[in-house]
N, C-alpha and C. Protein backbone atom coordinates (compact mmCIF):
# COMPACT_ATOMS: atom_id res chain seq x y z
N MET A 1 -20.16 13.12 13.86
CA MET A 1 -19.91 13.30 12.31
C MET A 1 -21.23 12.57 11.91
N GLN A 2 -21.71 13.26 10.86
CA GLN A 2 -22.99 13.22 10.05
C GLN A 2 -22.63 12.02 9.19
N GLN A 3 -23.58 10.81 9.00
CA GLN A 3 -23.52 9.84 8.28
C GLN A 3 -22.95 9.91 6.98
N GLY A 4 -23.65 10.87 6.38
CA GLY A 4 -23.11 11.25 5.02
C GLY A 4 -21.80 11.69 4.71
N THR A 5 -21.22 12.42 5.79
CA THR A 5 -19.84 12.66 5.95
C THR A 5 -19.04 11.47 6.00
N TRP A 6 -19.54 10.77 7.10
CA TRP A 6 -18.66 9.38 7.30
C TRP A 6 -18.94 8.48 6.07
N VAL A 7 -19.52 8.35 5.53
CA VAL A 7 -19.62 7.56 4.19
C VAL A 7 -18.89 7.94 3.22
N GLN A 8 -18.65 9.55 2.89
CA GLN A 8 -18.01 10.09 1.85
C GLN A 8 -16.34 10.03 2.25
N LEU A 9 -16.00 10.03 3.79
CA LEU A 9 -14.89 9.81 4.39
C LEU A 9 -14.02 8.40 3.86
N VAL A 10 -15.10 7.52 4.23
CA VAL A 10 -14.76 6.02 4.06
C VAL A 10 -14.60 5.80 2.37
N HIS A 11 -15.37 6.21 1.71
CA HIS A 11 -15.24 5.79 0.21
C HIS A 11 -14.17 6.71 -0.34
N SER A 12 -13.79 8.00 0.10
CA SER A 12 -12.42 8.69 -0.33
C SER A 12 -11.14 7.59 0.04
N ARG A 13 -11.24 7.23 1.09
CA ARG A 13 -10.12 6.77 1.82
C ARG A 13 -9.81 5.32 0.85
N GLY A 14 -10.95 4.67 0.74
CA GLY A 14 -10.89 3.42 -0.28
C GLY A 14 -10.54 3.67 -1.53
N THR A 15 -10.84 4.98 -2.22
CA THR A 15 -10.39 5.22 -3.31
C THR A 15 -8.92 5.36 -3.30
N ASP A 16 -8.54 5.95 -2.33
CA ASP A 16 -7.08 6.15 -2.07
C ASP A 16 -6.15 5.12 -2.29
N ALA A 17 -6.71 3.78 -1.42
CA ALA A 17 -6.11 2.48 -1.61
C ALA A 17 -6.10 1.93 -2.91
N HIS A 18 -7.27 2.00 -3.61
CA HIS A 18 -7.07 1.76 -5.21
C HIS A 18 -6.20 2.57 -5.79
N ALA A 19 -6.02 3.83 -5.56
CA ALA A 19 -5.17 4.85 -6.35
C ALA A 19 -3.47 4.23 -6.44
N VAL A 20 -3.09 3.63 -5.40
CA VAL A 20 -2.00 3.56 -5.15
C VAL A 20 -1.51 1.89 -5.43
N ILE A 21 -2.28 1.15 -5.45
CA ILE A 21 -2.22 -0.12 -5.60
C ILE A 21 -1.65 -0.61 -6.89
N LEU A 22 -2.35 -0.21 -8.08
CA LEU A 22 -1.95 -0.20 -9.58
C LEU A 22 -0.61 0.24 -9.90
N PRO A 23 -0.28 1.29 -9.58
CA PRO A 23 1.04 2.05 -9.50
C PRO A 23 1.96 1.01 -9.04
N TYR A 24 1.73 0.86 -7.88
CA TYR A 24 2.93 -0.12 -7.13
C TYR A 24 2.98 -1.24 -7.90
N VAL A 25 2.24 -2.23 -8.04
CA VAL A 25 2.08 -3.39 -8.64
C VAL A 25 2.76 -3.32 -10.18
N ALA A 26 2.36 -2.06 -10.82
CA ALA A 26 3.06 -1.90 -12.17
C ALA A 26 4.72 -1.51 -12.00
N SER A 27 4.76 -0.53 -11.24
CA SER A 27 5.97 -0.36 -10.81
C SER A 27 7.10 -1.48 -10.30
N VAL A 28 6.49 -2.43 -9.63
CA VAL A 28 7.55 -3.65 -9.19
C VAL A 28 7.58 -4.66 -10.56
N LEU A 29 6.50 -4.80 -11.19
CA LEU A 29 6.76 -5.70 -12.50
C LEU A 29 7.63 -4.84 -13.45
N ALA A 30 7.54 -3.75 -13.62
CA ALA A 30 8.35 -3.18 -14.58
C ALA A 30 9.89 -3.37 -13.94
N ILE A 31 10.16 -3.13 -12.82
CA ILE A 31 11.60 -3.11 -12.21
C ILE A 31 12.12 -4.63 -12.23
N PHE A 32 11.25 -5.67 -12.06
CA PHE A 32 11.51 -7.17 -12.26
C PHE A 32 11.94 -7.41 -13.92
N ALA A 33 11.02 -6.64 -14.60
CA ALA A 33 11.16 -6.83 -16.12
C ALA A 33 12.45 -6.41 -16.59
N PHE A 34 12.63 -5.08 -15.99
CA PHE A 34 13.92 -4.26 -16.47
C PHE A 34 15.07 -5.27 -15.83
N ILE A 35 15.18 -5.90 -14.59
CA ILE A 35 16.24 -6.64 -14.15
C ILE A 35 16.39 -7.80 -14.93
N ILE A 36 15.39 -8.44 -15.41
CA ILE A 36 15.34 -9.92 -16.16
C ILE A 36 16.05 -9.54 -18.01
N TRP A 37 15.53 -8.33 -18.36
CA TRP A 37 15.87 -8.22 -19.66
C TRP A 37 16.43 -6.67 -19.97
N GLY A 38 17.03 -6.34 -18.89
CA GLY A 38 17.63 -4.98 -19.04
C GLY A 38 18.93 -5.25 -19.60
N GLY A 39 19.73 -6.35 -19.62
CA GLY A 39 21.24 -6.43 -20.33
C GLY A 39 22.20 -5.66 -19.73
N ASP A 40 23.04 -4.70 -21.01
CA ASP A 40 24.05 -4.37 -20.36
C ASP A 40 23.80 -3.00 -19.87
N ALA A 41 22.60 -2.48 -19.93
CA ALA A 41 21.87 -0.96 -19.15
C ALA A 41 22.14 -1.17 -17.54
N LEU A 42 22.08 -2.65 -16.78
CA LEU A 42 22.22 -2.84 -15.48
C LEU A 42 23.72 -2.87 -15.03
N ASP A 43 24.56 -2.85 -15.75
CA ASP A 43 26.12 -2.85 -15.62
C ASP A 43 26.68 -1.64 -15.02
N ALA A 44 25.71 -0.60 -15.70
CA ALA A 44 25.91 0.93 -15.11
C ALA A 44 25.84 1.14 -13.59
N GLY A 45 26.65 1.49 -12.82
CA GLY A 45 26.55 1.89 -11.50
C GLY A 45 25.40 2.88 -11.04
N ALA A 46 25.32 3.83 -12.14
CA ALA A 46 24.31 4.98 -11.70
C ALA A 46 23.07 4.28 -12.26
N VAL A 47 22.76 3.38 -13.04
CA VAL A 47 21.42 2.87 -13.50
C VAL A 47 20.86 1.95 -12.18
N GLN A 48 21.92 1.50 -11.99
CA GLN A 48 21.44 0.48 -10.46
C GLN A 48 21.13 1.35 -9.21
N LEU A 49 21.96 2.40 -9.11
CA LEU A 49 21.67 3.35 -7.94
C LEU A 49 20.11 3.95 -8.23
N ALA A 50 19.81 4.37 -9.23
CA ALA A 50 18.68 4.90 -9.60
C ALA A 50 17.59 4.29 -9.48
N ILE A 51 17.57 2.74 -9.89
CA ILE A 51 16.55 1.71 -9.80
C ILE A 51 16.44 1.52 -8.04
N ALA A 52 17.50 1.43 -7.65
CA ALA A 52 17.61 1.09 -6.30
C ALA A 52 16.79 2.16 -5.23
N ALA A 53 17.24 3.51 -5.74
CA ALA A 53 16.68 4.64 -5.06
C ALA A 53 14.87 4.72 -5.42
N TRP A 54 14.62 4.40 -6.24
CA TRP A 54 13.09 4.13 -6.67
C TRP A 54 12.48 3.13 -5.93
N ILE A 55 13.21 1.81 -6.00
CA ILE A 55 12.64 0.95 -5.13
C ILE A 55 12.46 1.31 -3.66
N VAL A 56 13.39 1.76 -3.03
CA VAL A 56 13.24 2.34 -1.67
C VAL A 56 12.27 3.20 -1.48
N LEU A 57 12.33 4.38 -2.30
CA LEU A 57 11.70 5.45 -1.95
C LEU A 57 10.33 5.19 -2.46
N GLY A 58 9.92 4.38 -3.57
CA GLY A 58 8.44 4.00 -3.88
C GLY A 58 7.93 3.34 -2.80
N SER A 59 8.66 2.08 -2.57
CA SER A 59 8.16 1.24 -1.66
C SER A 59 7.74 2.11 -0.28
N LEU A 60 8.58 3.13 0.17
CA LEU A 60 8.14 3.91 1.41
C LEU A 60 7.29 4.57 1.22
N TRP A 61 7.09 5.06 0.01
CA TRP A 61 5.81 6.15 -0.44
C TRP A 61 4.69 5.40 -0.23
N THR A 62 4.38 4.26 -1.09
CA THR A 62 3.38 3.29 -0.94
C THR A 62 2.91 2.66 0.30
N MET A 63 3.99 2.20 1.22
CA MET A 63 3.91 1.77 2.50
C MET A 63 3.22 3.00 3.32
N LEU A 64 3.69 4.06 3.28
CA LEU A 64 3.23 5.02 4.36
C LEU A 64 1.66 5.57 3.70
N TRP A 65 1.30 5.60 2.42
CA TRP A 65 -0.03 5.55 1.95
C TRP A 65 -0.72 4.95 2.26
N PHE A 66 -0.58 3.70 2.33
CA PHE A 66 -1.48 2.58 2.27
C PHE A 66 -1.66 2.52 3.96
N ASP A 67 -0.60 2.59 4.88
CA ASP A 67 -0.92 2.53 6.20
C ASP A 67 -1.64 3.74 6.76
N GLY A 68 -1.47 4.81 6.02
CA GLY A 68 -2.31 5.79 6.38
C GLY A 68 -3.92 5.41 5.97
N VAL A 69 -4.38 4.79 4.87
CA VAL A 69 -5.67 4.36 4.47
C VAL A 69 -6.26 3.68 5.61
N ILE A 70 -5.35 2.67 5.82
CA ILE A 70 -6.11 1.79 6.84
C ILE A 70 -5.97 2.41 8.39
N ALA A 71 -5.21 3.39 8.67
CA ALA A 71 -5.39 4.02 9.79
C ALA A 71 -6.55 4.79 9.80
N ASP A 72 -7.17 5.35 8.85
CA ASP A 72 -8.16 6.05 8.74
C ASP A 72 -9.41 5.24 8.83
N LEU A 73 -9.12 4.01 8.09
CA LEU A 73 -10.56 3.27 8.25
C LEU A 73 -10.71 2.97 9.63
N ALA A 74 -9.58 2.54 10.56
CA ALA A 74 -9.63 2.12 11.67
C ALA A 74 -10.17 2.94 12.75
N ALA A 75 -9.86 4.13 12.28
CA ALA A 75 -10.62 5.55 13.03
C ALA A 75 -12.04 5.39 12.40
N ALA A 76 -12.16 5.28 11.49
CA ALA A 76 -13.87 5.45 10.94
C ALA A 76 -14.59 4.62 11.45
N MET A 77 -14.25 3.29 11.61
CA MET A 77 -15.01 2.48 12.55
C MET A 77 -15.53 2.90 13.92
N LYS A 78 -14.77 3.82 14.61
CA LYS A 78 -15.28 4.34 16.00
C LYS A 78 -16.10 5.49 15.79
N ASP A 79 -16.40 5.96 14.66
CA ASP A 79 -17.23 7.07 14.30
C ASP A 79 -18.54 6.53 13.53
N MET A 80 -18.71 5.14 13.48
CA MET A 80 -20.18 4.60 12.79
C MET A 80 -21.13 5.03 13.58
N GLU A 81 -22.12 5.45 12.84
CA GLU A 81 -23.67 5.67 13.44
C GLU A 81 -24.17 4.34 13.88
N PRO A 82 -24.80 4.84 15.19
CA PRO A 82 -25.51 3.68 15.72
C PRO A 82 -26.16 2.45 14.61
N ASP A 83 -26.89 3.00 13.73
CA ASP A 83 -27.89 2.19 12.89
C ASP A 83 -26.56 1.44 11.89
N VAL A 84 -25.67 2.00 11.55
CA VAL A 84 -24.60 1.37 10.46
C VAL A 84 -23.89 0.26 11.60
N ALA A 85 -23.29 0.56 12.58
CA ALA A 85 -22.71 -0.19 13.49
C ALA A 85 -23.38 -1.39 14.14
N GLY A 86 -25.03 -1.45 14.08
CA GLY A 86 -25.90 -2.29 14.32
C GLY A 86 -25.88 -3.21 13.22
N SER A 87 -25.44 -3.05 11.99
CA SER A 87 -25.75 -3.87 10.55
C SER A 87 -24.72 -4.88 10.58
N HIS A 88 -24.92 -5.80 10.00
CA HIS A 88 -24.01 -6.87 9.83
C HIS A 88 -22.71 -6.39 9.02
N ILE A 89 -22.90 -5.47 8.33
CA ILE A 89 -21.59 -4.96 7.70
C ILE A 89 -20.80 -4.07 8.81
N GLY A 90 -21.56 -3.23 9.47
CA GLY A 90 -20.89 -2.81 10.63
C GLY A 90 -20.35 -3.38 11.51
N GLN A 91 -20.81 -4.62 11.95
CA GLN A 91 -20.42 -5.55 13.12
C GLN A 91 -19.34 -5.95 12.49
N ASN A 92 -19.30 -6.65 11.09
CA ASN A 92 -18.07 -6.94 10.50
C ASN A 92 -16.37 -6.11 10.62
N PHE A 93 -17.27 -4.84 10.21
CA PHE A 93 -16.01 -3.70 9.91
C PHE A 93 -15.35 -3.70 11.48
N ALA A 94 -16.23 -3.54 12.58
CA ALA A 94 -16.08 -3.53 13.64
C ALA A 94 -14.89 -4.49 14.36
N LYS A 95 -14.83 -5.68 13.69
CA LYS A 95 -14.19 -6.94 14.06
C LYS A 95 -13.08 -6.88 13.51
N ALA A 96 -12.87 -6.27 12.19
CA ALA A 96 -11.56 -6.33 11.46
C ALA A 96 -10.44 -6.00 12.27
N PRO A 97 -9.12 -6.74 12.19
CA PRO A 97 -8.19 -6.70 12.75
C PRO A 97 -6.82 -5.44 12.07
N PHE A 98 -7.53 -4.12 12.20
CA PHE A 98 -6.53 -3.14 11.56
C PHE A 98 -5.19 -3.38 12.00
N PRO A 99 -4.95 -3.34 13.33
CA PRO A 99 -3.26 -3.44 13.52
C PRO A 99 -2.66 -4.82 12.77
N LEU A 100 -3.48 -5.78 12.43
CA LEU A 100 -2.75 -6.91 11.71
C LEU A 100 -2.57 -6.42 10.23
N PHE A 101 -3.66 -5.72 9.60
CA PHE A 101 -3.66 -5.31 8.33
C PHE A 101 -2.41 -4.44 8.13
N ARG A 102 -2.17 -3.42 9.14
CA ARG A 102 -0.99 -2.50 8.72
C ARG A 102 0.09 -3.20 8.73
N GLY A 103 0.38 -4.17 9.56
CA GLY A 103 1.72 -4.78 9.89
C GLY A 103 2.02 -5.78 8.88
N PHE A 104 0.88 -6.52 8.23
CA PHE A 104 0.94 -7.19 6.90
C PHE A 104 1.58 -6.36 5.77
N ASN A 105 0.79 -5.21 5.64
CA ASN A 105 1.05 -4.27 4.43
C ASN A 105 2.46 -4.09 4.74
N ALA A 106 3.03 -3.49 5.98
CA ALA A 106 4.37 -3.25 5.96
C ALA A 106 5.25 -4.27 5.61
N LEU A 107 4.84 -5.58 6.10
CA LEU A 107 5.69 -6.88 5.94
C LEU A 107 5.90 -7.17 4.10
N VAL A 108 4.84 -6.92 3.53
CA VAL A 108 4.65 -7.48 2.12
C VAL A 108 5.48 -6.37 1.45
N ILE A 109 5.20 -5.14 1.72
CA ILE A 109 5.95 -4.25 0.89
C ILE A 109 7.60 -4.20 1.25
N VAL A 110 7.94 -4.63 2.35
CA VAL A 110 9.29 -4.85 2.79
C VAL A 110 10.13 -5.84 1.89
N VAL A 111 9.24 -7.19 2.15
CA VAL A 111 9.80 -8.08 1.39
C VAL A 111 9.87 -8.00 0.23
N MET A 112 8.92 -7.25 -0.78
CA MET A 112 8.94 -6.88 -2.36
C MET A 112 9.95 -5.92 -2.37
N ALA A 113 10.36 -5.11 -1.51
CA ALA A 113 11.59 -4.35 -1.83
C ALA A 113 12.83 -4.91 -1.78
N VAL A 114 12.96 -5.86 -0.69
CA VAL A 114 14.22 -6.64 -0.51
C VAL A 114 14.47 -7.59 -1.64
N LEU A 115 13.42 -8.17 -2.09
CA LEU A 115 13.53 -9.07 -3.20
C LEU A 115 13.94 -8.31 -4.47
N GLN A 116 13.16 -7.00 -4.68
CA GLN A 116 13.82 -6.36 -5.80
C GLN A 116 15.20 -5.87 -5.67
N LEU A 117 15.78 -5.55 -4.44
CA LEU A 117 17.10 -5.10 -4.47
C LEU A 117 18.11 -6.25 -4.76
N VAL A 118 17.77 -7.40 -4.10
CA VAL A 118 18.63 -8.61 -4.19
C VAL A 118 18.72 -8.93 -5.45
N ALA A 119 17.64 -9.16 -6.08
CA ALA A 119 17.72 -9.22 -7.87
C ALA A 119 18.46 -8.29 -8.33
N LEU A 120 18.38 -7.00 -7.98
CA LEU A 120 19.15 -6.05 -8.66
C LEU A 120 20.42 -6.10 -8.56
N TYR A 121 21.11 -6.53 -7.34
CA TYR A 121 22.48 -6.55 -7.20
C TYR A 121 23.00 -8.01 -7.10
N SER A 122 22.21 -8.91 -7.90
CA SER A 122 22.89 -10.35 -8.10
C SER A 122 23.35 -10.47 -9.35
């Protein structure tokens, strides 16, 4: 793979990671705000179901998207040109524990989804 293509792919996947983080955080905060200040609107079962569906589906969507980004970055590590791989940043990139990052990402999103569901139905 040409170095310019490699750089473009890594940059593109990094941009994808940034693109999913803000909407996910905003969604979590909005759901918690609605749970805290939603009042009587939360008494309707249909409203709770709709929020619960968004919590589950939005979390799944975010987890899969971000996991794909991490998987692609791990694969990109194997395609580094020798001059990039020999640099300090390349050596640091090669040591990154991508499986740990993927597991931690899944753990955080699952825990946040469970907390939101517990708060919703409490």
